[in-house]
Amino acid sequence: MLPSVKSLMRIQGIEPDKAKELRELLERKRKTRDYASVQSWESHCYNPPTYLERMMRAANEIIGGYGVEYIPKGNNAKSPAIEYVNLGDTYDTTLLLIDGDKIRVGCWGDIVERGNYD
């Protein structure tokens, strides 16, 4: 299940029109390759990025983040792999991709605190 526009509005600094655009991207109503950041990045890749990699890059452009970051899976079930749009603070609410298939809105700092990351 995808986050609603209302949930996306919790992302730090996002405007309502950008939350709607982001929801359309998540629903695949917008093409990832229509975003300049995706086009530029993809042109420098030896292997083509996956859809989810492109989607997170486009989401970063929409949100106005500082790039997409990755935290590998930790040592137990409470420590998933997390890909997120970096907004500059561990506790800023942002877009998260959990274990490569669950899209959520939250802050990665809370997840890391609950898990067992070494």
PDB file of N, CA and C in Angstrom:
ATOM      1  N   MET A   1       0.842  -1.180   0.000  1.00  0.00           N
ATOM      2  CA  MET A   1       0.000   0.000   0.000  1.00  0.00           C
ATOM      3  C   MET A   1       0.891   1.249   0.000  1.00  0.00           C
ATOM      4  N   LEU A   2       0.557   2.188  -0.823  1.00  0.00           N
ATOM      5  CA  LEU A   2       1.337   3.417  -0.958  1.00  0.00           C
ATOM      6  C   LEU A   2       0.865   4.478   0.031  1.00  0.00           C
ATOM      7  N   PRO A   3       1.770   5.361   0.453  1.00  0.00           N
ATOM      8  CA  PRO A   3       1.361   6.460   1.329  1.00  0.00           C
ATOM      9  C   PRO A   3       0.392   7.400   0.606  1.00  0.00           C
ATOM     10  N   SER A   4      -0.573   7.906   1.343  1.00  0.00           N
ATOM     11  CA  SER A   4      -1.540   8.858   0.786  1.00  0.00           C
ATOM     12  C   SER A   4      -0.886  10.230   0.641  1.00  0.00           C
ATOM     13  N   VAL A   5      -1.552  11.118  -0.078  1.00  0.00           N
ATOM     14  CA  VAL A   5      -1.064  12.490  -0.206  1.00  0.00           C
ATOM     15  C   VAL A   5      -0.972  13.118   1.185  1.00  0.00           C
ATOM     16  N   LYS A   6      -1.940  12.827   2.043  1.00  0.00           N
ATOM     17  CA  LYS A   6      -1.927  13.350   3.412  1.00  0.00           C
ATOM     18  C   LYS A   6      -0.677  12.874   4.153  1.00  0.00           C
ATOM     19  N   SER A   7      -0.339  11.604   4.013  1.00  0.00           N
ATOM     20  CA  SER A   7       0.884  11.081   4.639  1.00  0.00           C
ATOM     21  C   SER A   7       2.129  11.723   4.037  1.00  0.00           C
ATOM     22  N   LEU A   8       2.140  11.896   2.723  1.00  0.00           N
ATOM     23  CA  LEU A   8       3.286  12.507   2.053  1.00  0.00           C
ATOM     24  C   LEU A   8       3.471  13.958   2.485  1.00  0.00           C
ATOM     25  N   MET A   9       2.395  14.613   2.915  1.00  0.00           N
ATOM     26  CA  MET A   9       2.477  15.997   3.397  1.00  0.00           C
ATOM     27  C   MET A   9       3.278  16.091   4.694  1.00  0.00           C
ATOM     28  N   ARG A  10       3.510  14.968   5.361  1.00  0.00           N
ATOM     29  CA  ARG A  10       4.326  14.961   6.586  1.00  0.00           C
ATOM     30  C   ARG A  10       5.816  15.076   6.276  1.00  0.00           C
ATOM     31  N   ILE A  11       6.199  14.870   5.012  1.00  0.00           N
ATOM     32  CA  ILE A  11       7.613  14.980   4.639  1.00  0.00           C
ATOM     33  C   ILE A  11       8.073  16.410   4.865  1.00  0.00           C
ATOM     34  N   GLN A  12       9.212  16.529   5.519  1.00  0.00           N
ATOM     35  CA  GLN A  12       9.774  17.826   5.903  1.00  0.00           C
ATOM     36  C   GLN A  12       9.858  18.778   4.710  1.00  0.00           C
ATOM     37  N   GLY A  13       9.124  19.903   4.770  1.00  0.00           N
ATOM     38  CA  GLY A  13       9.244  20.963   3.779  1.00  0.00           C
ATOM     39  C   GLY A  13       8.510  20.753   2.466  1.00  0.00           C
ATOM     40  N   ILE A  14       7.716  19.696   2.321  1.00  0.00           N
ATOM     41  CA  ILE A  14       7.045  19.443   1.040  1.00  0.00           C
ATOM     42  C   ILE A  14       5.762  20.271   0.932  1.00  0.00           C
ATOM     43  N   GLU A  15       5.528  20.805  -0.245  1.00  0.00           N
ATOM     44  CA  GLU A  15       4.327  21.584  -0.532  1.00  0.00           C
ATOM     45  C   GLU A  15       3.227  20.650  -1.043  1.00  0.00           C
ATOM     46  N   PRO A  16       1.953  21.044  -0.927  1.00  0.00           N
ATOM     47  CA  PRO A  16       0.851  20.172  -1.359  1.00  0.00           C
ATOM     48  C   PRO A  16       0.953  19.717  -2.819  1.00  0.00           C
ATOM     49  N   ASP A  17       1.333  20.617  -3.735  1.00  0.00           N
ATOM     50  CA  ASP A  17       1.430  20.228  -5.136  1.00  0.00           C
ATOM     51  C   ASP A  17       2.546  19.208  -5.354  1.00  0.00           C
ATOM     52  N   LYS A  18       3.617  19.328  -4.597  1.00  0.00           N
ATOM     53  CA  LYS A  18       4.723  18.365  -4.695  1.00  0.00           C
ATOM     54  C   LYS A  18       4.328  17.019  -4.089  1.00  0.00           C
ATOM     55  N   ALA A  19       3.524  17.035  -3.036  1.00  0.00           N
ATOM     56  CA  ALA A  19       3.033  15.783  -2.438  1.00  0.00           C
ATOM     57  C   ALA A  19       2.147  15.043  -3.441  1.00  0.00           C
ATOM     58  N   LYS A  20       1.325  15.773  -4.171  1.00  0.00           N
ATOM     59  CA  LYS A  20       0.475  15.158  -5.203  1.00  0.00           C
ATOM     60  C   LYS A  20       1.325  14.593  -6.336  1.00  0.00           C
ATOM     61  N   GLU A  21       2.341  15.346  -6.754  1.00  0.00           N
ATOM     62  CA  GLU A  21       3.242  14.876  -7.806  1.00  0.00           C
ATOM     63  C   GLU A  21       3.976  13.604  -7.353  1.00  0.00           C
ATOM     64  N   LEU A  22       4.419  13.599  -6.108  1.00  0.00           N
ATOM     65  CA  LEU A  22       5.116  12.430  -5.572  1.00  0.00           C
ATOM     66  C   LEU A  22       4.189  11.225  -5.530  1.00  0.00           C
ATOM     67  N   ARG A  23       2.959  11.418  -5.126  1.00  0.00           N
ATOM     68  CA  ARG A  23       1.989  10.313  -5.099  1.00  0.00           C
ATOM     69  C   ARG A  23       1.790   9.757  -6.514  1.00  0.00           C
ATOM     70  N   GLU A  24       1.691  10.624  -7.513  1.00  0.00           N
ATOM     71  CA  GLU A  24       1.543  10.171  -8.903  1.00  0.00           C
ATOM     72  C   GLU A  24       2.770   9.379  -9.356  1.00  0.00           C
ATOM     73  N   LEU A  25       3.953   9.806  -8.924  1.00  0.00           N
ATOM     74  CA  LEU A  25       5.165   9.059  -9.240  1.00  0.00           C
ATOM     75  C   LEU A  25       5.109   7.670  -8.606  1.00  0.00           C
ATOM     76  N   LEU A  26       4.708   7.595  -7.344  1.00  0.00           N
ATOM     77  CA  LEU A  26       4.631   6.314  -6.639  1.00  0.00           C
ATOM     78  C   LEU A  26       3.582   5.388  -7.261  1.00  0.00           C
ATOM     79  N   GLU A  27       2.528   5.979  -7.806  1.00  0.00           N
ATOM     80  CA  GLU A  27       1.476   5.202  -8.485  1.00  0.00           C
ATOM     81  C   GLU A  27       1.863   4.829  -9.907  1.00  0.00           C
ATOM     82  N   ARG A  28       3.025   5.280 -10.346  1.00  0.00           N
ATOM     83  CA  ARG A  28       3.538   5.067 -11.707  1.00  0.00           C
ATOM     84  C   ARG A  28       2.723   5.799 -12.766  1.00  0.00           C
ATOM     85  N   LYS A  29       2.086   6.875 -12.370  1.00  0.00           N
ATOM     86  CA  LYS A  29       1.374   7.726 -13.320  1.00  0.00           C
ATOM     87  C   LYS A  29       2.323   8.736 -13.958  1.00  0.00           C
ATOM     88  N   ARG A  30       3.487   8.908 -13.363  1.00  0.00           N
ATOM     89  CA  ARG A  30       4.544   9.760 -13.906  1.00  0.00           C
ATOM     90  C   ARG A  30       5.743   8.876 -14.207  1.00  0.00           C
ATOM     91  N   LYS A  31       6.455   9.213 -15.268  1.00  0.00           N
ATOM     92  CA  LYS A  31       7.613   8.418 -15.673  1.00  0.00           C
ATOM     93  C   LYS A  31       8.864   8.929 -14.963  1.00  0.00           C
ATOM     94  N   THR A  32       9.637   8.006 -14.429  1.00  0.00           N
ATOM     95  CA  THR A  32      10.866   8.381 -13.728  1.00  0.00           C
ATOM     96  C   THR A  32      11.845   9.075 -14.665  1.00  0.00           C
ATOM     97  N   ARG A  33      11.847   8.677 -15.904  1.00  0.00           N
ATOM     98  CA  ARG A  33      12.812   9.238 -16.861  1.00  0.00           C
ATOM     99  C   ARG A  33      12.432  10.640 -17.341  1.00  0.00           C
ATOM    100  N   ASP A  34      11.305  11.174 -16.872  1.00  0.00           N
ATOM    101  CA  ASP A  34      10.939  12.557 -17.190  1.00  0.00           C
ATOM    102  C   ASP A  34      11.666  13.558 -16.293  1.00  0.00           C
ATOM    103  N   TYR A  35      12.372  13.070 -15.280  1.00  0.00           N
ATOM    104  CA  TYR A  35      13.055  13.943 -14.326  1.00  0.00           C
ATOM    105  C   TYR A  35      14.515  14.127 -14.726  1.00  0.00           C
ATOM    106  N   ALA A  36      14.958  15.386 -14.725  1.00  0.00           N
ATOM    107  CA  ALA A  36      16.312  15.726 -15.165  1.00  0.00           C
ATOM    108  C   ALA A  36      17.379  14.994 -14.362  1.00  0.00           C
ATOM    109  N   SER A  37      17.171  14.851 -13.053  1.00  0.00           N
ATOM    110  CA  SER A  37      18.177  14.178 -12.220  1.00  0.00           C
ATOM    111  C   SER A  37      18.322  12.706 -12.604  1.00  0.00           C
ATOM    112  N   VAL A  38      17.233  12.073 -12.969  1.00  0.00           N
ATOM    113  CA  VAL A  38      17.273  10.671 -13.395  1.00  0.00           C
ATOM    114  C   VAL A  38      17.975  10.560 -14.747  1.00  0.00           C
ATOM    115  N   GLN A  39      17.635  11.447 -15.666  1.00  0.00           N
ATOM    116  CA  GLN A  39      18.256  11.420 -16.991  1.00  0.00           C
ATOM    117  C   GLN A  39      19.768  11.606 -16.895  1.00  0.00           C
ATOM    118  N   SER A  40      20.194  12.572 -16.117  1.00  0.00           N
ATOM    119  CA  SER A  40      21.619  12.857 -15.969  1.00  0.00           C
ATOM    120  C   SER A  40      22.351  11.683 -15.316  1.00  0.00           C
ATOM    121  N   TRP A  41      21.802  11.176 -14.239  1.00  0.00           N
ATOM    122  CA  TRP A  41      22.419  10.065 -13.508  1.00  0.00           C
ATOM    123  C   TRP A  41      22.483   8.816 -14.374  1.00  0.00           C
ATOM    124  N   GLU A  42      21.377   8.498 -15.026  1.00  0.00           N
ATOM    125  CA  GLU A  42      21.309   7.277 -15.828  1.00  0.00           C
ATOM    126  C   GLU A  42      22.296   7.318 -16.997  1.00  0.00           C
ATOM    127  N   SER A  43      22.548   8.496 -17.525  1.00  0.00           N
ATOM    128  CA  SER A  43      23.480   8.605 -18.649  1.00  0.00           C
ATOM    129  C   SER A  43      24.916   8.283 -18.238  1.00  0.00           C
ATOM    130  N   HIS A  44      25.208   8.296 -16.948  1.00  0.00           N
ATOM    131  CA  HIS A  44      26.539   7.995 -16.442  1.00  0.00           C
ATOM    132  C   HIS A  44      26.672   6.583 -15.878  1.00  0.00           C
ATOM    133  N   CYS A  45      25.603   5.812 -15.916  1.00  0.00           N
ATOM    134  CA  CYS A  45      25.621   4.455 -15.354  1.00  0.00           C
ATOM    135  C   CYS A  45      26.038   3.439 -16.414  1.00  0.00           C
ATOM    136  N   TYR A  46      26.897   2.532 -16.027  1.00  0.00           N
ATOM    137  CA  TYR A  46      27.293   1.445 -16.926  1.00  0.00           C
ATOM    138  C   TYR A  46      26.132   0.463 -17.090  1.00  0.00           C
ATOM    139  N   ASN A  47      25.541   0.047 -15.963  1.00  0.00           N
ATOM    140  CA  ASN A  47      24.354  -0.812 -15.985  1.00  0.00           C
ATOM    141  C   ASN A  47      23.129   0.052 -15.710  1.00  0.00           C
ATOM    142  N   PRO A  48      22.042  -0.205 -16.410  1.00  0.00           N
ATOM    143  CA  PRO A  48      20.850   0.622 -16.198  1.00  0.00           C
ATOM    144  C   PRO A  48      20.306   0.461 -14.775  1.00  0.00           C
ATOM    145  N   PRO A  49      19.950   1.567 -14.131  1.00  0.00           N
ATOM    146  CA  PRO A  49      19.353   1.485 -12.791  1.00  0.00           C
ATOM    147  C   PRO A  49      17.988   0.806 -12.843  1.00  0.00           C
ATOM    148  N   THR A  50      17.603   0.214 -11.721  1.00  0.00           N
ATOM    149  CA  THR A  50      16.285  -0.412 -11.628  1.00  0.00           C
ATOM    150  C   THR A  50      15.210   0.670 -11.548  1.00  0.00           C
ATOM    151  N   TYR A  51      13.961   0.249 -11.720  1.00  0.00           N
ATOM    152  CA  TYR A  51      12.859   1.193 -11.601  1.00  0.00           C
ATOM    153  C   TYR A  51      12.866   1.864 -10.226  1.00  0.00           C
ATOM    154  N   LEU A  52      13.033   1.075  -9.158  1.00  0.00           N
ATOM    155  CA  LEU A  52      12.991   1.651  -7.814  1.00  0.00           C
ATOM    156  C   LEU A  52      14.144   2.617  -7.566  1.00  0.00           C
ATOM    157  N   GLU A  53      15.306   2.346  -8.124  1.00  0.00           N
ATOM    158  CA  GLU A  53      16.424   3.282  -8.008  1.00  0.00           C
ATOM    159  C   GLU A  53      16.083   4.599  -8.702  1.00  0.00           C
ATOM    160  N   ARG A  54      15.500   4.511  -9.895  1.00  0.00           N
ATOM    161  CA  ARG A  54      15.096   5.713 -10.621  1.00  0.00           C
ATOM    162  C   ARG A  54      13.978   6.445  -9.876  1.00  0.00           C
ATOM    163  N   MET A  55      13.043   5.682  -9.312  1.00  0.00           N
ATOM    164  CA  MET A  55      11.919   6.275  -8.584  1.00  0.00           C
ATOM    165  C   MET A  55      12.418   7.062  -7.374  1.00  0.00           C
ATOM    166  N   MET A  56      13.370   6.503  -6.635  1.00  0.00           N
ATOM    167  CA  MET A  56      13.902   7.213  -5.472  1.00  0.00           C
ATOM    168  C   MET A  56      14.667   8.469  -5.902  1.00  0.00           C
ATOM    169  N   ARG A  57      15.386   8.397  -7.008  1.00  0.00           N
ATOM    170  CA  ARG A  57      16.118   9.565  -7.523  1.00  0.00           C
ATOM    171  C   ARG A  57      15.123  10.656  -7.936  1.00  0.00           C
ATOM    172  N   ALA A  58      14.036  10.277  -8.611  1.00  0.00           N
ATOM    173  CA  ALA A  58      13.004  11.246  -9.001  1.00  0.00           C
ATOM    174  C   ALA A  58      12.321  11.823  -7.754  1.00  0.00           C
ATOM    175  N   ALA A  59      12.065  10.982  -6.758  1.00  0.00           N
ATOM    176  CA  ALA A  59      11.454  11.457  -5.507  1.00  0.00           C
ATOM    177  C   ALA A  59      12.347  12.488  -4.833  1.00  0.00           C
ATOM    178  N   ASN A  60      13.649  12.251  -4.853  1.00  0.00           N
ATOM    179  CA  ASN A  60      14.586  13.210  -4.290  1.00  0.00           C
ATOM    180  C   ASN A  60      14.464  14.564  -4.984  1.00  0.00           C
ATOM    181  N   GLU A  61      14.330  14.535  -6.311  1.00  0.00           N
ATOM    182  CA  GLU A  61      14.174  15.788  -7.060  1.00  0.00           C
ATOM    183  C   GLU A  61      12.876  16.496  -6.674  1.00  0.00           C
ATOM    184  N   ILE A  62      11.802  15.750  -6.554  1.00  0.00           N
ATOM    185  CA  ILE A  62      10.506  16.337  -6.191  1.00  0.00           C
ATOM    186  C   ILE A  62      10.562  16.954  -4.792  1.00  0.00           C
ATOM    187  N   ILE A  63      11.131  16.210  -3.854  1.00  0.00           N
ATOM    188  CA  ILE A  63      11.169  16.640  -2.456  1.00  0.00           C
ATOM    189  C   ILE A  63      12.180  17.757  -2.233  1.00  0.00           C
ATOM    190  N   GLY A  64      13.215  17.781  -3.057  1.00  0.00           N
ATOM    191  CA  GLY A  64      14.278  18.774  -2.876  1.00  0.00           C
ATOM    192  C   GLY A  64      15.297  18.316  -1.848  1.00  0.00           C
ATOM    193  N   GLY A  65      15.573  17.007  -1.851  1.00  0.00           N
ATOM    194  CA  GLY A  65      16.512  16.438  -0.888  1.00  0.00           C
ATOM    195  C   GLY A  65      17.957  16.582  -1.318  1.00  0.00           C
ATOM    196  N   TYR A  66      18.821  15.953  -0.529  1.00  0.00           N
ATOM    197  CA  TYR A  66      20.271  16.022  -0.752  1.00  0.00           C
ATOM    198  C   TYR A  66      20.822  14.717  -1.322  1.00  0.00           C
ATOM    199  N   GLY A  67      19.963  13.921  -1.909  1.00  0.00           N
ATOM    200  CA  GLY A  67      20.391  12.652  -2.490  1.00  0.00           C
ATOM    201  C   GLY A  67      19.697  11.484  -1.815  1.00  0.00           C
ATOM    202  N   VAL A  68      19.918  10.322  -2.382  1.00  0.00           N
ATOM    203  CA  VAL A  68      19.330   9.091  -1.850  1.00  0.00           C
ATOM    204  C   VAL A  68      20.436   8.337  -1.126  1.00  0.00           C
ATOM    205  N   GLU A  69      20.161   7.928   0.094  1.00  0.00           N
ATOM    206  CA  GLU A  69      21.136   7.230   0.931  1.00  0.00           C
ATOM    207  C   GLU A  69      20.634   5.814   1.221  1.00  0.00           C
ATOM    208  N   TYR A  70      21.570   4.958   1.651  1.00  0.00           N
ATOM    209  CA  TYR A  70      21.236   3.554   1.908  1.00  0.00           C
ATOM    210  C   TYR A  70      21.852   3.100   3.222  1.00  0.00           C
ATOM    211  N   ILE A  71      21.061   2.396   4.012  1.00  0.00           N
ATOM    212  CA  ILE A  71      21.528   1.759   5.240  1.00  0.00           C
ATOM    213  C   ILE A  71      21.293   0.258   5.062  1.00  0.00           C
ATOM    214  N   PRO A  72      22.362  -0.566   5.090  1.00  0.00           N
ATOM    215  CA  PRO A  72      22.178  -2.007   4.900  1.00  0.00           C
ATOM    216  C   PRO A  72      21.440  -2.650   6.070  1.00  0.00           C
ATOM    217  N   LYS A  73      20.883  -3.804   5.809  1.00  0.00           N
ATOM    218  CA  LYS A  73      20.154  -4.573   6.817  1.00  0.00           C
ATOM    219  C   LYS A  73      21.052  -4.827   8.016  1.00  0.00           C
ATOM    220  N   GLY A  74      20.463  -4.740   9.206  1.00  0.00           N
ATOM    221  CA  GLY A  74      21.193  -4.988  10.446  1.00  0.00           C
ATOM    222  C   GLY A  74      21.153  -6.448  10.853  1.00  0.00           C
ATOM    223  N   ASN A  75      21.258  -6.683  12.145  1.00  0.00           N
ATOM    224  CA  ASN A  75      21.425  -8.042  12.663  1.00  0.00           C
ATOM    225  C   ASN A  75      20.155  -8.758  13.090  1.00  0.00           C
ATOM    226  N   ASN A  76      18.997  -8.144  12.991  1.00  0.00           N
ATOM    227  CA  ASN A  76      17.764  -8.829  13.377  1.00  0.00           C
ATOM    228  C   ASN A  76      16.580  -8.325  12.548  1.00  0.00           C
ATOM    229  N   ALA A  77      15.392  -8.870  12.824  1.00  0.00           N
ATOM    230  CA  ALA A  77      14.198  -8.526  12.041  1.00  0.00           C
ATOM    231  C   ALA A  77      13.786  -7.071  12.205  1.00  0.00           C
ATOM    232  N   LYS A  78      14.203  -6.430  13.281  1.00  0.00           N
ATOM    233  CA  LYS A  78      13.851  -5.029  13.506  1.00  0.00           C
ATOM    234  C   LYS A  78      14.833  -4.073  12.832  1.00  0.00           C
ATOM    235  N   SER A  79      15.756  -4.609  12.063  1.00  0.00           N
ATOM    236  CA  SER A  79      16.752  -3.759  11.414  1.00  0.00           C
ATOM    237  C   SER A  79      16.770  -4.009   9.907  1.00  0.00           C
ATOM    238  N   PRO A  80      15.754  -3.459   9.201  1.00  0.00           N
ATOM    239  CA  PRO A  80      15.653  -3.671   7.756  1.00  0.00           C
ATOM    240  C   PRO A  80      16.665  -2.835   6.977  1.00  0.00           C
ATOM    241  N   ALA A  81      16.834  -3.174   5.720  1.00  0.00           N
ATOM    242  CA  ALA A  81      17.586  -2.309   4.806  1.00  0.00           C
ATOM    243  C   ALA A  81      16.701  -1.092   4.533  1.00  0.00           C
ATOM    244  N   ILE A  82      17.304   0.082   4.530  1.00  0.00           N
ATOM    245  CA  ILE A  82      16.545   1.321   4.354  1.00  0.00           C
ATOM    246  C   ILE A  82      17.215   2.172   3.283  1.00  0.00           C
ATOM    247  N   GLU A  83      16.437   2.559   2.292  1.00  0.00           N
ATOM    248  CA  GLU A  83      16.870   3.549   1.320  1.00  0.00           C
ATOM    249  C   GLU A  83      15.974   4.763   1.576  1.00  0.00           C
ATOM    250  N   TYR A  84      16.547   5.956   1.599  1.00  0.00           N
ATOM    251  CA  TYR A  84      15.758   7.128   1.961  1.00  0.00           C
ATOM    252  C   TYR A  84      16.265   8.377   1.257  1.00  0.00           C
ATOM    253  N   VAL A  85      15.373   9.360   1.152  1.00  0.00           N
ATOM    254  CA  VAL A  85      15.751  10.668   0.630  1.00  0.00           C
ATOM    255  C   VAL A  85      16.338  11.458   1.799  1.00  0.00           C
ATOM    256  N   ASN A  86      17.599  11.847   1.653  1.00  0.00           N
ATOM    257  CA  ASN A  86      18.303  12.565   2.707  1.00  0.00           C
ATOM    258  C   ASN A  86      17.823  14.015   2.737  1.00  0.00           C
ATOM    259  N   LEU A  87      17.286  14.432   3.892  1.00  0.00           N
ATOM    260  CA  LEU A  87      16.838  15.816   4.057  1.00  0.00           C
ATOM    261  C   LEU A  87      17.740  16.587   5.005  1.00  0.00           C
ATOM    262  N   GLY A  88      18.851  15.983   5.415  1.00  0.00           N
ATOM    263  CA  GLY A  88      19.830  16.711   6.207  1.00  0.00           C
ATOM    264  C   GLY A  88      19.817  16.423   7.691  1.00  0.00           C
ATOM    265  N   ASP A  89      18.788  15.753   8.181  1.00  0.00           N
ATOM    266  CA  ASP A  89      18.709  15.451   9.605  1.00  0.00           C
ATOM    267  C   ASP A  89      18.175  14.038   9.791  1.00  0.00           C
ATOM    268  N   THR A  90      18.775  13.308  10.691  1.00  0.00           N
ATOM    269  CA  THR A  90      18.398  11.927  10.984  1.00  0.00           C
ATOM    270  C   THR A  90      16.916  11.788  11.316  1.00  0.00           C
ATOM    271  N   TYR A  91      16.334  12.801  11.946  1.00  0.00           N
ATOM    272  CA  TYR A  91      14.958  12.710  12.419  1.00  0.00           C
ATOM    273  C   TYR A  91      13.966  13.524  11.595  1.00  0.00           C
ATOM    274  N   ASP A  92      14.375  14.004  10.421  1.00  0.00           N
ATOM    275  CA  ASP A  92      13.422  14.633   9.502  1.00  0.00           C
ATOM    276  C   ASP A  92      12.542  13.547   8.892  1.00  0.00           C
ATOM    277  N   THR A  93      11.263  13.827   8.778  1.00  0.00           N
ATOM    278  CA  THR A  93      10.347  12.894   8.136  1.00  0.00           C
ATOM    279  C   THR A  93      10.591  12.940   6.636  1.00  0.00           C
ATOM    280  N   THR A  94      10.772  11.764   6.036  1.00  0.00           N
ATOM    281  CA  THR A  94      11.136  11.675   4.628  1.00  0.00           C
ATOM    282  C   THR A  94      10.509  10.435   3.991  1.00  0.00           C
ATOM    283  N   LEU A  95      10.832  10.210   2.733  1.00  0.00           N
ATOM    284  CA  LEU A  95      10.367   9.029   2.015  1.00  0.00           C
ATOM    285  C   LEU A  95      11.366   7.897   2.235  1.00  0.00           C
ATOM    286  N   LEU A  96      10.846   6.735   2.640  1.00  0.00           N
ATOM    287  CA  LEU A  96      11.670   5.565   2.932  1.00  0.00           C
ATOM    288  C   LEU A  96      11.282   4.412   2.022  1.00  0.00           C
ATOM    289  N   LEU A  97      12.269   3.650   1.601  1.00  0.00           N
ATOM    290  CA  LEU A  97      12.040   2.391   0.895  1.00  0.00           C
ATOM    291  C   LEU A  97      12.620   1.318   1.806  1.00  0.00           C
ATOM    292  N   ILE A  98      11.749   0.514   2.394  1.00  0.00           N
ATOM    293  CA  ILE A  98      12.140  -0.478   3.395  1.00  0.00           C
ATOM    294  C   ILE A  98      12.275  -1.845   2.729  1.00  0.00           C
ATOM    295  N   ASP A  99      13.430  -2.465   2.935  1.00  0.00           N
ATOM    296  CA  ASP A  99      13.716  -3.801   2.394  1.00  0.00           C
ATOM    297  C   ASP A  99      13.438  -3.912   0.895  1.00  0.00           C
ATOM    298  N   GLY A 100      13.567  -2.806   0.186  1.00  0.00           N
ATOM    299  CA  GLY A 100      13.472  -2.817  -1.264  1.00  0.00           C
ATOM    300  C   GLY A 100      12.078  -2.949  -1.845  1.00  0.00           C
ATOM    301  N   ASP A 101      11.035  -2.960  -0.972  1.00  0.00           N
ATOM    302  CA  ASP A 101       9.690  -3.129  -1.540  1.00  0.00           C
ATOM    303  C   ASP A 101       8.567  -2.404  -0.798  1.00  0.00           C
ATOM    304  N   LYS A 102       8.825  -1.828   0.346  1.00  0.00           N
ATOM    305  CA  LYS A 102       7.777  -1.140   1.102  1.00  0.00           C
ATOM    306  C   LYS A 102       8.089   0.356   1.143  1.00  0.00           C
ATOM    307  N   ILE A 103       7.197   1.154   0.602  1.00  0.00           N
ATOM    308  CA  ILE A 103       7.378   2.600   0.585  1.00  0.00           C
ATOM    309  C   ILE A 103       6.630   3.181   1.779  1.00  0.00           C
ATOM    310  N   ARG A 104       7.357   3.936   2.596  1.00  0.00           N
ATOM    311  CA  ARG A 104       6.796   4.500   3.814  1.00  0.00           C
ATOM    312  C   ARG A 104       7.226   5.955   3.963  1.00  0.00           C
ATOM    313  N   VAL A 105       6.530   6.658   4.848  1.00  0.00           N
ATOM    314  CA  VAL A 105       6.913   8.005   5.248  1.00  0.00           C
ATOM    315  C   VAL A 105       7.304   7.914   6.714  1.00  0.00           C
ATOM    316  N   GLY A 106       8.494   8.399   7.047  1.00  0.00           N
ATOM    317  CA  GLY A 106       8.964   8.354   8.427  1.00  0.00           C
ATOM    318  C   GLY A 106      10.379   8.883   8.515  1.00  0.00           C
ATOM    319  N   CYS A 107      11.005   8.647   9.660  1.00  0.00           N
ATOM    320  CA  CYS A 107      12.397   9.071   9.799  1.00  0.00           C
ATOM    321  C   CYS A 107      13.249   7.845  10.076  1.00  0.00           C
ATOM    322  N   TRP A 108      14.333   7.755   9.348  1.00  0.00           N
ATOM    323  CA  TRP A 108      15.176   6.576   9.441  1.00  0.00           C
ATOM    324  C   TRP A 108      15.859   6.466  10.793  1.00  0.00           C
ATOM    325  N   GLY A 109      16.046   7.566  11.492  1.00  0.00           N
ATOM    326  CA  GLY A 109      16.681   7.538  12.805  1.00  0.00           C
ATOM    327  C   GLY A 109      15.905   6.708  13.809  1.00  0.00           C
ATOM    328  N   ASP A 110      14.570   6.793  13.780  1.00  0.00           N
ATOM    329  CA  ASP A 110      13.745   5.996  14.693  1.00  0.00           C
ATOM    330  C   ASP A 110      13.893   4.508  14.417  1.00  0.00           C
ATOM    331  N   ILE A 111      13.973   4.146  13.142  1.00  0.00           N
ATOM    332  CA  ILE A 111      14.106   2.732  12.776  1.00  0.00           C
ATOM    333  C   ILE A 111      15.458   2.194  13.236  1.00  0.00           C
ATOM    334  N   VAL A 112      16.498   2.970  13.040  1.00  0.00           N
ATOM    335  CA  VAL A 112      17.842   2.541  13.447  1.00  0.00           C
ATOM    336  C   VAL A 112      17.913   2.394  14.964  1.00  0.00           C
ATOM    337  N   GLU A 113      17.261   3.277  15.700  1.00  0.00           N
ATOM    338  CA  GLU A 113      17.260   3.169  17.161  1.00  0.00           C
ATOM    339  C   GLU A 113      16.595   1.888  17.637  1.00  0.00           C
ATOM    340  N   ARG A 114      15.543   1.440  16.957  1.00  0.00           N
ATOM    341  CA  ARG A 114      14.823   0.216  17.344  1.00  0.00           C
ATOM    342  C   ARG A 114      15.593  -1.048  16.977  1.00  0.00           C
ATOM    343  N   GLY A 115      16.371  -0.980  15.894  1.00  0.00           N
ATOM    344  CA  GLY A 115      17.055  -2.158  15.367  1.00  0.00           C
ATOM    345  C   GLY A 115      18.390  -2.406  16.020  1.00  0.00           C
ATOM    346  N   ASN A 116      19.080  -3.392  15.503  1.00  0.00           N
ATOM    347  CA  ASN A 116      20.397  -3.767  16.008  1.00  0.00           C
ATOM    348  C   ASN A 116      21.396  -3.581  14.883  1.00  0.00           C
ATOM    349  N   TYR A 117      21.809  -2.345  14.677  1.00  0.00           N
ATOM    350  CA  TYR A 117      22.755  -2.032  13.617  1.00  0.00           C
ATOM    351  C   TYR A 117      24.153  -1.917  14.219  1.00  0.00           C
ATOM    352  N   ASP A 118      25.093  -2.610  13.634  1.00  0.00           N
ATOM    353  CA  ASP A 118      26.489  -2.532  14.093  1.00  0.00           C
ATOM    354  C   ASP A 118      27.365  -1.984  12.998  1.00  0.00           C
TER     355      ASP A 118
END
